[in-house]
PDB file of N, CA and C in Angstrom:
ATOM      1  N   MET A   1    -109.994 -22.025-148.898  1.00  0.00           N
ATOM      2  CA  MET A   1    -109.659 -23.388-149.243  1.00  0.00           C
ATOM      3  C   MET A   1    -108.208 -23.447-149.692  1.00  0.00           C
ATOM      4  N   ALA A   2    -107.439 -24.343-149.135  1.00  0.00           N
ATOM      5  CA  ALA A   2    -106.033 -24.490-149.477  1.00  0.00           C
ATOM      6  C   ALA A   2    -105.885 -25.157-150.836  1.00  0.00           C
ATOM      7  N   SER A   3    -104.867 -24.748-151.540  1.00  0.00           N
ATOM      8  CA  SER A   3    -104.611 -25.313-152.861  1.00  0.00           C
ATOM      9  C   SER A   3    -104.035 -26.715-152.745  1.00  0.00           C
ATOM     10  N   GLN A   4    -104.341 -27.524-153.736  1.00  0.00           N
ATOM     11  CA  GLN A   4    -103.758 -28.865-153.786  1.00  0.00           C
ATOM     12  C   GLN A   4    -102.316 -28.807-154.273  1.00  0.00           C
ATOM     13  N   PHE A   5    -101.923 -27.682-154.846  1.00  0.00           N
ATOM     14  CA  PHE A   5    -100.603 -27.549-155.446  1.00  0.00           C
ATOM     15  C   PHE A   5     -99.881 -26.305-154.931  1.00  0.00           C
ATOM     16  N   PRO A   6     -99.555 -26.259-153.629  1.00  0.00           N
ATOM     17  CA  PRO A   6     -98.933 -25.046-153.081  1.00  0.00           C
ATOM     18  C   PRO A   6     -97.572 -24.748-153.703  1.00  0.00           C
ATOM     19  N   LEU A   7     -96.794 -25.773-154.036  1.00  0.00           N
ATOM     20  CA  LEU A   7     -95.482 -25.544-154.636  1.00  0.00           C
ATOM     21  C   LEU A   7     -95.626 -24.913-156.016  1.00  0.00           C
ATOM     22  N   ALA A   8     -96.608 -25.372-156.781  1.00  0.00           N
ATOM     23  CA  ALA A   8     -96.849 -24.803-158.107  1.00  0.00           C
ATOM     24  C   ALA A   8     -97.256 -23.336-157.998  1.00  0.00           C
ATOM     25  N   GLU A   9     -98.081 -23.010-157.012  1.00  0.00           N
ATOM     26  CA  GLU A   9     -98.498 -21.618-156.813  1.00  0.00           C
ATOM     27  C   GLU A   9     -97.310 -20.745-156.419  1.00  0.00           C
ATOM     28  N   GLU A  10     -96.462 -21.263-155.543  1.00  0.00           N
ATOM     29  CA  GLU A  10     -95.279 -20.512-155.117  1.00  0.00           C
ATOM     30  C   GLU A  10     -94.343 -20.283-156.297  1.00  0.00           C
ATOM     31  N   THR A  11     -94.156 -21.305-157.125  1.00  0.00           N
ATOM     32  CA  THR A  11     -93.306 -21.178-158.302  1.00  0.00           C
ATOM     33  C   THR A  11     -93.859 -20.126-159.251  1.00  0.00           C
ATOM     34  N   LEU A  12     -95.164 -20.143-159.467  1.00  0.00           N
ATOM     35  CA  LEU A  12     -95.800 -19.162-160.342  1.00  0.00           C
ATOM     36  C   LEU A  12     -95.642 -17.753-159.778  1.00  0.00           C
ATOM     37  N   GLU A  13     -95.799 -17.597-158.465  1.00  0.00           N
ATOM     38  CA  GLU A  13     -95.627 -16.284-157.842  1.00  0.00           C
ATOM     39  C   GLU A  13     -94.207 -15.767-158.037  1.00  0.00           C
ATOM     40  N   LEU A  14     -93.215 -16.653-157.912  1.00  0.00           N
ATOM     41  CA  LEU A  14     -91.830 -16.237-158.114  1.00  0.00           C
ATOM     42  C   LEU A  14     -91.581 -15.873-159.573  1.00  0.00           C
ATOM     43  N   GLN A  15     -92.166 -16.623-160.497  1.00  0.00           N
ATOM     44  CA  GLN A  15     -92.004 -16.314-161.918  1.00  0.00           C
ATOM     45  C   GLN A  15     -92.620 -14.961-162.258  1.00  0.00           C
ATOM     46  N   ASN A  16     -93.655 -14.585-161.538  1.00  0.00           N
ATOM     47  CA  ASN A  16     -94.332 -13.316-161.786  1.00  0.00           C
ATOM     48  C   ASN A  16     -93.784 -12.173-160.935  1.00  0.00           C
ATOM     49  N   ASN A  17     -92.733 -12.432-160.170  1.00  0.00           N
ATOM     50  CA  ASN A  17     -92.169 -11.404-159.300  1.00  0.00           C
ATOM     51  C   ASN A  17     -91.278 -10.470-160.130  1.00  0.00           C
ATOM     52  N   PRO A  18     -91.654  -9.200-160.274  1.00  0.00           N
ATOM     53  CA  PRO A  18     -90.885  -8.287-161.118  1.00  0.00           C
ATOM     54  C   PRO A  18     -89.470  -8.010-160.604  1.00  0.00           C
ATOM     55  N   LEU A  19     -89.203  -8.273-159.346  1.00  0.00           N
ATOM     56  CA  LEU A  19     -87.847  -8.067-158.822  1.00  0.00           C
ATOM     57  C   LEU A  19     -86.884  -9.139-159.313  1.00  0.00           C
ATOM     58  N   LEU A  20     -87.405 -10.251-159.798  1.00  0.00           N
ATOM     59  CA  LEU A  20     -86.560 -11.356-160.242  1.00  0.00           C
ATOM     60  C   LEU A  20     -86.370 -11.384-161.757  1.00  0.00           C
ATOM     61  N   HIS A  21     -86.992 -10.452-162.462  1.00  0.00           N
ATOM     62  CA  HIS A  21     -86.868 -10.408-163.919  1.00  0.00           C
ATOM     63  C   HIS A  21     -85.657  -9.581-164.326  1.00  0.00           C
ATOM     64  N   ASP A  22     -85.098  -9.904-165.473  1.00  0.00           N
ATOM     65  CA  ASP A  22     -84.076  -9.037-166.051  1.00  0.00           C
ATOM     66  C   ASP A  22     -84.792  -7.834-166.659  1.00  0.00           C
ATOM     67  N   PHE A  23     -84.197  -6.673-166.545  1.00  0.00           N
ATOM     68  CA  PHE A  23     -84.846  -5.473-167.055  1.00  0.00           C
ATOM     69  C   PHE A  23     -83.809  -4.423-167.373  1.00  0.00           C
ATOM     70  N   VAL A  24     -84.185  -3.540-168.282  1.00  0.00           N
ATOM     71  CA  VAL A  24     -83.380  -2.359-168.551  1.00  0.00           C
ATOM     72  C   VAL A  24     -83.818  -1.257-167.592  1.00  0.00           C
ATOM     73  N   PHE A  25     -85.139  -1.110-167.471  1.00  0.00           N
ATOM     74  CA  PHE A  25     -85.718  -0.158-166.532  1.00  0.00           C
ATOM     75  C   PHE A  25     -86.655  -0.910-165.594  1.00  0.00           C
ATOM     76  N   PRO A  26     -86.546  -0.679-164.307  1.00  0.00           N
ATOM     77  CA  PRO A  26     -87.428  -1.379-163.357  1.00  0.00           C
ATOM     78  C   PRO A  26     -88.895  -1.045-163.615  1.00  0.00           C
ATOM     79  N   ARG A  27     -89.751  -2.012-163.400  1.00  0.00           N
ATOM     80  CA  ARG A  27     -91.197  -1.819-163.569  1.00  0.00           C
ATOM     81  C   ARG A  27     -91.798  -1.375-162.236  1.00  0.00           C
ATOM     82  N   PHE A  28     -91.502  -0.138-161.855  1.00  0.00           N
ATOM     83  CA  PHE A  28     -91.988   0.391-160.583  1.00  0.00           C
ATOM     84  C   PHE A  28     -93.507   0.331-160.485  1.00  0.00           C
ATOM     85  N   ASP A  29     -94.176   0.408-161.622  1.00  0.00           N
ATOM     86  CA  ASP A  29     -95.636   0.433-161.619  1.00  0.00           C
ATOM     87  C   ASP A  29     -96.264  -0.887-161.189  1.00  0.00           C
ATOM     88  N   ILE A  30     -95.503  -1.978-161.256  1.00  0.00           N
ATOM     89  CA  ILE A  30     -96.085  -3.275-160.882  1.00  0.00           C
ATOM     90  C   ILE A  30     -95.433  -3.901-159.654  1.00  0.00           C
ATOM     91  N   ILE A  31     -94.386  -3.274-159.121  1.00  0.00           N
ATOM     92  CA  ILE A  31     -93.724  -3.815-157.931  1.00  0.00           C
ATOM     93  C   ILE A  31     -94.558  -3.458-156.702  1.00  0.00           C
ATOM     94  N   GLU A  32     -94.852  -4.465-155.899  1.00  0.00           N
ATOM     95  CA  GLU A  32     -95.679  -4.285-154.703  1.00  0.00           C
ATOM     96  C   GLU A  32     -94.938  -4.822-153.478  1.00  0.00           C
ATOM     97  N   PRO A  33     -95.353  -4.403-152.281  1.00  0.00           N
ATOM     98  CA  PRO A  33     -94.711  -4.914-151.066  1.00  0.00           C
ATOM     99  C   PRO A  33     -94.684  -6.439-150.992  1.00  0.00           C
ATOM    100  N   LYS A  34     -95.692  -7.102-151.527  1.00  0.00           N
ATOM    101  CA  LYS A  34     -95.735  -8.566-151.475  1.00  0.00           C
ATOM    102  C   LYS A  34     -94.618  -9.215-152.290  1.00  0.00           C
ATOM    103  N   HIS A  35     -93.958  -8.462-153.166  1.00  0.00           N
ATOM    104  CA  HIS A  35     -92.866  -9.003-153.971  1.00  0.00           C
ATOM    105  C   HIS A  35     -91.524  -8.968-153.233  1.00  0.00           C
ATOM    106  N   VAL A  36     -91.409  -8.122-152.211  1.00  0.00           N
ATOM    107  CA  VAL A  36     -90.114  -7.872-151.574  1.00  0.00           C
ATOM    108  C   VAL A  36     -89.551  -9.113-150.889  1.00  0.00           C
ATOM    109  N   GLN A  37     -90.271  -9.672-149.950  1.00  0.00           N
ATOM    110  CA  GLN A  37     -89.719 -10.794-149.184  1.00  0.00           C
ATOM    111  C   GLN A  37     -89.412 -12.011-150.062  1.00  0.00           C
ATOM    112  N   PRO A  38     -90.353 -12.513-150.862  1.00  0.00           N
ATOM    113  CA  PRO A  38     -90.004 -13.676-151.683  1.00  0.00           C
ATOM    114  C   PRO A  38     -88.950 -13.341-152.737  1.00  0.00           C
ATOM    115  N   GLY A  39     -88.983 -12.114-153.252  1.00  0.00           N
ATOM    116  CA  GLY A  39     -88.002 -11.722-154.262  1.00  0.00           C
ATOM    117  C   GLY A  39     -86.594 -11.671-153.703  1.00  0.00           C
ATOM    118  N   ILE A  40     -86.426 -11.007-152.568  1.00  0.00           N
ATOM    119  CA  ILE A  40     -85.092 -10.891-151.963  1.00  0.00           C
ATOM    120  C   ILE A  40     -84.595 -12.252-151.496  1.00  0.00           C
ATOM    121  N   LYS A  41     -85.449 -13.030-150.854  1.00  0.00           N
ATOM    122  CA  LYS A  41     -85.009 -14.346-150.370  1.00  0.00           C
ATOM    123  C   LYS A  41     -84.598 -15.255-151.525  1.00  0.00           C
ATOM    124  N   THR A  42     -85.348 -15.234-152.613  1.00  0.00           N
ATOM    125  CA  THR A  42     -84.995 -16.044-153.782  1.00  0.00           C
ATOM    126  C   THR A  42     -83.705 -15.540-154.407  1.00  0.00           C
ATOM    127  N   LEU A  43     -83.584 -14.230-154.552  1.00  0.00           N
ATOM    128  CA  LEU A  43     -82.376 -13.645-155.124  1.00  0.00           C
ATOM    129  C   LEU A  43     -81.158 -13.963-154.267  1.00  0.00           C
ATOM    130  N   LEU A  44     -81.279 -13.831-152.953  1.00  0.00           N
ATOM    131  CA  LEU A  44     -80.154 -14.145-152.064  1.00  0.00           C
ATOM    132  C   LEU A  44     -79.743 -15.606-152.193  1.00  0.00           C
ATOM    133  N   GLN A  45     -80.702 -16.508-152.330  1.00  0.00           N
ATOM    134  CA  GLN A  45     -80.375 -17.925-152.487  1.00  0.00           C
ATOM    135  C   GLN A  45     -79.665 -18.170-153.820  1.00  0.00           C
ATOM    136  N   GLN A  46     -80.145 -17.537-154.888  1.00  0.00           N
ATOM    137  CA  GLN A  46     -79.496 -17.681-156.190  1.00  0.00           C
ATOM    138  C   GLN A  46     -78.068 -17.149-156.142  1.00  0.00           C
ATOM    139  N   LEU A  47     -77.900 -15.985-155.531  1.00  0.00           N
ATOM    140  CA  LEU A  47     -76.578 -15.376-155.465  1.00  0.00           C
ATOM    141  C   LEU A  47     -75.650 -16.151-154.536  1.00  0.00           C
ATOM    142  N   GLU A  48     -76.186 -16.731-153.477  1.00  0.00           N
ATOM    143  CA  GLU A  48     -75.382 -17.590-152.596  1.00  0.00           C
ATOM    144  C   GLU A  48     -74.890 -18.808-153.373  1.00  0.00           C
ATOM    145  N   ASN A  49     -75.766 -19.400-154.181  1.00  0.00           N
ATOM    146  CA  ASN A  49     -75.360 -20.539-155.014  1.00  0.00           C
ATOM    147  C   ASN A  49     -74.263 -20.131-155.991  1.00  0.00           C
ATOM    148  N   ASP A  50     -74.402 -18.946-156.591  1.00  0.00           N
ATOM    149  CA  ASP A  50     -73.372 -18.444-157.504  1.00  0.00           C
ATOM    150  C   ASP A  50     -72.057 -18.230-156.769  1.00  0.00           C
ATOM    151  N   LEU A  51     -72.127 -17.702-155.555  1.00  0.00           N
ATOM    152  CA  LEU A  51     -70.920 -17.448-154.767  1.00  0.00           C
ATOM    153  C   LEU A  51     -70.233 -18.754-154.381  1.00  0.00           C
ATOM    154  N   VAL A  52     -70.994 -19.752-153.973  1.00  0.00           N
ATOM    155  CA  VAL A  52     -70.424 -21.059-153.625  1.00  0.00           C
ATOM    156  C   VAL A  52     -69.746 -21.674-154.847  1.00  0.00           C
ATOM    157  N   ALA A  53     -70.390 -21.590-156.001  1.00  0.00           N
ATOM    158  CA  ALA A  53     -69.794 -22.122-157.232  1.00  0.00           C
ATOM    159  C   ALA A  53     -68.507 -21.377-157.571  1.00  0.00           C
ATOM    160  N   LEU A  54     -68.502 -20.061-157.381  1.00  0.00           N
ATOM    161  CA  LEU A  54     -67.304 -19.263-157.633  1.00  0.00           C
ATOM    162  C   LEU A  54     -66.180 -19.660-156.684  1.00  0.00           C
ATOM    163  N   GLU A  55     -66.498 -19.873-155.419  1.00  0.00           N
ATOM    164  CA  GLU A  55     -65.483 -20.272-154.436  1.00  0.00           C
ATOM    165  C   GLU A  55     -64.863 -21.623-154.782  1.00  0.00           C
ATOM    166  N   LYS A  56     -65.666 -22.518-155.333  1.00  0.00           N
ATOM    167  CA  LYS A  56     -65.157 -23.850-155.671  1.00  0.00           C
ATOM    168  C   LYS A  56     -64.226 -23.823-156.875  1.00  0.00           C
ATOM    169  N   SER A  57     -64.415 -22.858-157.743  1.00  0.00           N
ATOM    170  CA  SER A  57     -63.625 -22.839-158.974  1.00  0.00           C
ATOM    171  C   SER A  57     -62.774 -21.583-159.099  1.00  0.00           C
ATOM    172  N   VAL A  58     -62.485 -20.957-157.978  1.00  0.00           N
ATOM    173  CA  VAL A  58     -61.805 -19.668-158.007  1.00  0.00           C
ATOM    174  C   VAL A  58     -60.404 -19.776-158.618  1.00  0.00           C
ATOM    175  N   GLU A  59     -60.140 -18.829-159.494  1.00  0.00           N
ATOM    176  CA  GLU A  59     -58.805 -18.635-160.046  1.00  0.00           C
ATOM    177  C   GLU A  59     -58.441 -17.183-159.749  1.00  0.00           C
ATOM    178  N   PRO A  60     -57.237 -16.946-159.259  1.00  0.00           N
ATOM    179  CA  PRO A  60     -56.887 -15.585-158.839  1.00  0.00           C
ATOM    180  C   PRO A  60     -56.573 -14.653-160.016  1.00  0.00           C
ATOM    181  N   THR A  61     -57.527 -14.508-160.911  1.00  0.00           N
ATOM    182  CA  THR A  61     -57.387 -13.564-162.012  1.00  0.00           C
ATOM    183  C   THR A  61     -58.605 -12.647-162.006  1.00  0.00           C
ATOM    184  N   TRP A  62     -58.428 -11.484-162.587  1.00  0.00           N
ATOM    185  CA  TRP A  62     -59.522 -10.516-162.606  1.00  0.00           C
ATOM    186  C   TRP A  62     -60.774 -11.073-163.289  1.00  0.00           C
ATOM    187  N   PRO A  63     -60.651 -11.605-164.507  1.00  0.00           N
ATOM    188  CA  PRO A  63     -61.871 -12.075-165.178  1.00  0.00           C
ATOM    189  C   PRO A  63     -62.499 -13.311-164.536  1.00  0.00           C
ATOM    190  N   LYS A  64     -61.726 -14.094-163.820  1.00  0.00           N
ATOM    191  CA  LYS A  64     -62.262 -15.326-163.223  1.00  0.00           C
ATOM    192  C   LYS A  64     -62.762 -15.125-161.797  1.00  0.00           C
ATOM    193  N   LEU A  65     -62.366 -14.035-161.145  1.00  0.00           N
ATOM    194  CA  LEU A  65     -62.770 -13.808-159.759  1.00  0.00           C
ATOM    195  C   LEU A  65     -63.552 -12.503-159.584  1.00  0.00           C
ATOM    196  N   VAL A  66     -62.940 -11.410-159.967  1.00  0.00           N
ATOM    197  CA  VAL A  66     -63.539 -10.106-159.687  1.00  0.00           C
ATOM    198  C   VAL A  66     -64.778  -9.851-160.548  1.00  0.00           C
ATOM    199  N   ASP A  67     -64.708 -10.165-161.833  1.00  0.00           N
ATOM    200  CA  ASP A  67     -65.874  -9.938-162.698  1.00  0.00           C
ATOM    201  C   ASP A  67     -67.106 -10.704-162.214  1.00  0.00           C
ATOM    202  N   PRO A  68     -66.999 -12.008-161.927  1.00  0.00           N
ATOM    203  CA  PRO A  68     -68.178 -12.721-161.418  1.00  0.00           C
ATOM    204  C   PRO A  68     -68.657 -12.193-160.056  1.00  0.00           C
ATOM    205  N   LEU A  69     -67.722 -11.811-159.205  1.00  0.00           N
ATOM    206  CA  LEU A  69     -68.092 -11.268-157.898  1.00  0.00           C
ATOM    207  C   LEU A  69     -68.842  -9.939-158.051  1.00  0.00           C
ATOM    208  N   GLU A  70     -68.374  -9.098-158.961  1.00  0.00           N
ATOM    209  CA  GLU A  70     -69.070  -7.836-159.227  1.00  0.00           C
ATOM    210  C   GLU A  70     -70.473  -8.087-159.766  1.00  0.00           C
ATOM    211  N   LYS A  71     -70.613  -9.091-160.602  1.00  0.00           N
ATOM    212  CA  LYS A  71     -71.927  -9.420-161.166  1.00  0.00           C
ATOM    213  C   LYS A  71     -72.899  -9.825-160.054  1.00  0.00           C
ATOM    214  N   ILE A  72     -72.416 -10.601-159.100  1.00  0.00           N
ATOM    215  CA  ILE A  72     -73.242 -11.016-157.962  1.00  0.00           C
ATOM    216  C   ILE A  72     -73.669  -9.795-157.148  1.00  0.00           C
ATOM    217  N   LEU A  73     -72.712  -8.943-156.817  1.00  0.00           N
ATOM    218  CA  LEU A  73     -73.009  -7.752-156.017  1.00  0.00           C
ATOM    219  C   LEU A  73     -73.906  -6.762-156.756  1.00  0.00           C
ATOM    220  N   ASP A  74     -73.640  -6.576-158.049  1.00  0.00           N
ATOM    221  CA  ASP A  74     -74.427  -5.616-158.825  1.00  0.00           C
ATOM    222  C   ASP A  74     -75.902  -5.982-158.843  1.00  0.00           C
ATOM    223  N   ARG A  75     -76.208  -7.251-159.054  1.00  0.00           N
ATOM    224  CA  ARG A  75     -77.610  -7.678-159.118  1.00  0.00           C
ATOM    225  C   ARG A  75     -78.308  -7.421-157.778  1.00  0.00           C
ATOM    226  N   LEU A  76     -77.639  -7.764-156.699  1.00  0.00           N
ATOM    227  CA  LEU A  76     -78.225  -7.576-155.375  1.00  0.00           C
ATOM    228  C   LEU A  76     -78.427  -6.093-155.070  1.00  0.00           C
ATOM    229  N   GLN A  77     -77.421  -5.288-155.354  1.00  0.00           N
ATOM    230  CA  GLN A  77     -77.525  -3.858-155.066  1.00  0.00           C
ATOM    231  C   GLN A  77     -78.567  -3.180-155.953  1.00  0.00           C
ATOM    232  N   LEU A  78     -78.721  -3.651-157.183  1.00  0.00           N
ATOM    233  CA  LEU A  78     -79.733  -3.095-158.071  1.00  0.00           C
ATOM    234  C   LEU A  78     -81.134  -3.329-157.516  1.00  0.00           C
ATOM    235  N   VAL A  79     -81.427  -4.559-157.140  1.00  0.00           N
ATOM    236  CA  VAL A  79     -82.755  -4.880-156.618  1.00  0.00           C
ATOM    237  C   VAL A  79     -82.991  -4.173-155.284  1.00  0.00           C
ATOM    238  N   TRP A  80     -81.985  -4.143-154.424  1.00  0.00           N
ATOM    239  CA  TRP A  80     -82.135  -3.459-153.135  1.00  0.00           C
ATOM    240  C   TRP A  80     -82.365  -1.963-153.356  1.00  0.00           C
ATOM    241  N   GLY A  81     -81.687  -1.387-154.332  1.00  0.00           N
ATOM    242  CA  GLY A  81     -81.876   0.020-154.653  1.00  0.00           C
ATOM    243  C   GLY A  81     -83.290   0.316-155.142  1.00  0.00           C
ATOM    244  N   ILE A  82     -83.845  -0.591-155.936  1.00  0.00           N
ATOM    245  CA  ILE A  82     -85.221  -0.438-156.419  1.00  0.00           C
ATOM    246  C   ILE A  82     -86.188  -0.425-155.239  1.00  0.00           C
ATOM    247  N   ILE A  83     -85.988  -1.355-154.328  1.00  0.00           N
ATOM    248  CA  ILE A  83     -86.864  -1.448-153.160  1.00  0.00           C
ATOM    249  C   ILE A  83     -86.786  -0.169-152.326  1.00  0.00           C
ATOM    250  N   HIS A  84     -85.584   0.335-152.120  1.00  0.00           N
ATOM    251  CA  HIS A  84     -85.449   1.552-151.311  1.00  0.00           C
ATOM    252  C   HIS A  84     -85.969   2.784-152.044  1.00  0.00           C
ATOM    253  N   HIS A  85     -85.833   2.809-153.352  1.00  0.00           N
ATOM    254  CA  HIS A  85     -86.422   3.914-154.105  1.00  0.00           C
ATOM    255  C   HIS A  85     -87.940   3.911-153.924  1.00  0.00           C
ATOM    256  N   LEU A  86     -88.530   2.729-154.035  1.00  0.00           N
ATOM    257  CA  LEU A  86     -89.977   2.627-153.820  1.00  0.00           C
ATOM    258  C   LEU A  86     -90.364   3.105-152.427  1.00  0.00           C
ATOM    259  N   LYS A  87     -89.560   2.735-151.443  1.00  0.00           N
ATOM    260  CA  LYS A  87     -89.847   3.161-150.068  1.00  0.00           C
ATOM    261  C   LYS A  87     -89.811   4.686-149.958  1.00  0.00           C
ATOM    262  N   ASN A  88     -88.900   5.314-150.685  1.00  0.00           N
ATOM    263  CA  ASN A  88     -88.785   6.772-150.624  1.00  0.00           C
ATOM    264  C   ASN A  88     -89.919   7.494-151.340  1.00  0.00           C
ATOM    265  N   VAL A  89     -90.482   6.878-152.379  1.00  0.00           N
ATOM    266  CA  VAL A  89     -91.504   7.586-153.154  1.00  0.00           C
ATOM    267  C   VAL A  89     -92.910   7.031-152.978  1.00  0.00           C
ATOM    268  N   LYS A  90     -93.016   5.819-152.459  1.00  0.00           N
ATOM    269  CA  LYS A  90     -94.325   5.168-152.335  1.00  0.00           C
ATOM    270  C   LYS A  90     -94.374   4.391-151.021  1.00  0.00           C
ATOM    271  N   ASP A  91     -94.011   5.059-149.942  1.00  0.00           N
ATOM    272  CA  ASP A  91     -93.885   4.410-148.639  1.00  0.00           C
ATOM    273  C   ASP A  91     -95.240   3.921-148.130  1.00  0.00           C
ATOM    274  N   SER A  92     -95.189   2.780-147.450  1.00  0.00           N
ATOM    275  CA  SER A  92     -96.392   2.247-146.808  1.00  0.00           C
ATOM    276  C   SER A  92     -95.949   1.351-145.656  1.00  0.00           C
ATOM    277  N   ALA A  93     -96.856   1.077-144.760  1.00  0.00           N
ATOM    278  CA  ALA A  93     -96.552   0.184-143.637  1.00  0.00           C
ATOM    279  C   ALA A  93     -96.198  -1.212-144.146  1.00  0.00           C
ATOM    280  N   ASP A  94     -96.893  -1.677-145.176  1.00  0.00           N
ATOM    281  CA  ASP A  94     -96.605  -3.002-145.737  1.00  0.00           C
ATOM    282  C   ASP A  94     -95.208  -3.061-146.331  1.00  0.00           C
ATOM    283  N   LEU A  95     -94.812  -2.007-147.041  1.00  0.00           N
ATOM    284  CA  LEU A  95     -93.485  -1.988-147.651  1.00  0.00           C
ATOM    285  C   LEU A  95     -92.403  -1.926-146.578  1.00  0.00           C
ATOM    286  N   ARG A  96     -92.592  -1.081-145.565  1.00  0.00           N
ATOM    287  CA  ARG A  96     -91.609  -1.010-144.471  1.00  0.00           C
ATOM    288  C   ARG A  96     -91.474  -2.359-143.778  1.00  0.00           C
ATOM    289  N   SER A  97     -92.576  -3.017-143.542  1.00  0.00           N
ATOM    290  CA  SER A  97     -92.560  -4.330-142.892  1.00  0.00           C
ATOM    291  C   SER A  97     -91.824  -5.357-143.751  1.00  0.00           C
ATOM    292  N   ALA A  98     -92.085  -5.343-145.052  1.00  0.00           N
ATOM    293  CA  ALA A  98     -91.424  -6.290-145.957  1.00  0.00           C
ATOM    294  C   ALA A  98     -89.915  -6.064-145.973  1.00  0.00           C
ATOM    295  N   ILE A  99     -89.501  -4.807-145.982  1.00  0.00           N
ATOM    296  CA  ILE A  99     -88.069  -4.490-145.975  1.00  0.00           C
ATOM    297  C   ILE A  99     -87.441  -4.936-144.660  1.00  0.00           C
ATOM    298  N   GLU A 100     -88.103  -4.667-143.549  1.00  0.00           N
ATOM    299  CA  GLU A 100     -87.573  -5.075-142.243  1.00  0.00           C
ATOM    300  C   GLU A 100     -87.391  -6.589-142.161  1.00  0.00           C
ATOM    301  N   GLN A 101     -88.261  -7.345-142.806  1.00  0.00           N
ATOM    302  CA  GLN A 101     -88.191  -8.804-142.751  1.00  0.00           C
ATOM    303  C   GLN A 101     -86.977  -9.364-143.485  1.00  0.00           C
ATOM    304  N   VAL A 102     -86.461  -8.633-144.475  1.00  0.00           N
ATOM    305  CA  VAL A 102     -85.329  -9.166-145.253  1.00  0.00           C
ATOM    306  C   VAL A 102     -84.041  -8.378-145.058  1.00  0.00           C
ATOM    307  N   GLN A 103     -84.091  -7.292-144.315  1.00  0.00           N
ATOM    308  CA  GLN A 103     -82.918  -6.436-144.171  1.00  0.00           C
ATOM    309  C   GLN A 103     -81.727  -7.169-143.551  1.00  0.00           C
ATOM    310  N   VAL A 104     -81.955  -7.951-142.530  1.00  0.00           N
ATOM    311  CA  VAL A 104     -80.859  -8.678-141.879  1.00  0.00           C
ATOM    312  C   VAL A 104     -80.228  -9.670-142.857  1.00  0.00           C
ATOM    313  N   CYS A 105     -81.046 -10.386-143.605  1.00  0.00           N
ATOM    314  CA  CYS A 105     -80.524 -11.339-144.597  1.00  0.00           C
ATOM    315  C   CYS A 105     -79.677 -10.620-145.640  1.00  0.00           C
ATOM    316  N   PHE A 106     -80.147  -9.463-146.081  1.00  0.00           N
ATOM    317  CA  PHE A 106     -79.408  -8.672-147.062  1.00  0.00           C
ATOM    318  C   PHE A 106     -78.046  -8.268-146.503  1.00  0.00           C
ATOM    319  N   ILE A 107     -78.032  -7.733-145.295  1.00  0.00           N
ATOM    320  CA  ILE A 107     -76.782  -7.279-144.680  1.00  0.00           C
ATOM    321  C   ILE A 107     -75.818  -8.443-144.482  1.00  0.00           C
ATOM    322  N   LEU A 108     -76.315  -9.571-144.008  1.00  0.00           N
ATOM    323  CA  LEU A 108     -75.448 -10.739-143.812  1.00  0.00           C
ATOM    324  C   LEU A 108     -74.849 -11.211-145.127  1.00  0.00           C
ATOM    325  N   HIS A 109     -75.614 -11.149-146.192  1.00  0.00           N
ATOM    326  CA  HIS A 109     -75.096 -11.564-147.495  1.00  0.00           C
ATOM    327  C   HIS A 109     -73.997 -10.608-147.968  1.00  0.00           C
ATOM    328  N   ILE A 110     -74.220  -9.322-147.807  1.00  0.00           N
ATOM    329  CA  ILE A 110     -73.202  -8.338-148.190  1.00  0.00           C
ATOM    330  C   ILE A 110     -71.929  -8.550-147.374  1.00  0.00           C
ATOM    331  N   LEU A 111     -72.069  -8.778-146.079  1.00  0.00           N
ATOM    332  CA  LEU A 111     -70.894  -9.009-145.230  1.00  0.00           C
ATOM    333  C   LEU A 111     -70.157 -10.279-145.630  1.00  0.00           C
ATOM    334  N   ARG A 112     -70.882 -11.286-146.052  1.00  0.00           N
ATOM    335  CA  ARG A 112     -70.242 -12.534-146.488  1.00  0.00           C
ATOM    336  C   ARG A 112     -69.380 -12.298-147.724  1.00  0.00           C
ATOM    337  N   ILE A 113     -69.850 -11.469-148.621  1.00  0.00           N
ATOM    338  CA  ILE A 113     -69.101 -11.211-149.852  1.00  0.00           C
ATOM    339  C   ILE A 113     -67.901 -10.317-149.575  1.00  0.00           C
ATOM    340  N   CYS A 114     -68.095  -9.314-148.722  1.00  0.00           N
ATOM    341  CA  CYS A 114     -67.022  -8.348-148.454  1.00  0.00           C
ATOM    342  C   CYS A 114     -66.072  -8.904-147.476  1.00  0.00           C
TER     343      CYS A 114
END
């Protein structure tokens, strides 16, 4: 039976996605393949919004340009690194499939920044 509130369910799933939380140490024990695609797509959209905002207000100084750009890249590379670490130690067909579904988006985002 389909939910009457699909947007609310999607929002709740994103709120519960461990890849989107701030952390000191990643919660590898709760990260699952089902978190990869929605987590990466949401993160890429957030970081794209941050990049667009940075482009609109860019000032050619280190603290106004490079620091925010590094922050954008660091977050993306951290989450991508977590996903690949999981693939190396807890590989599965579902995880490989989830990574393949977002890999092109990840690469395009990195190329846009660089």
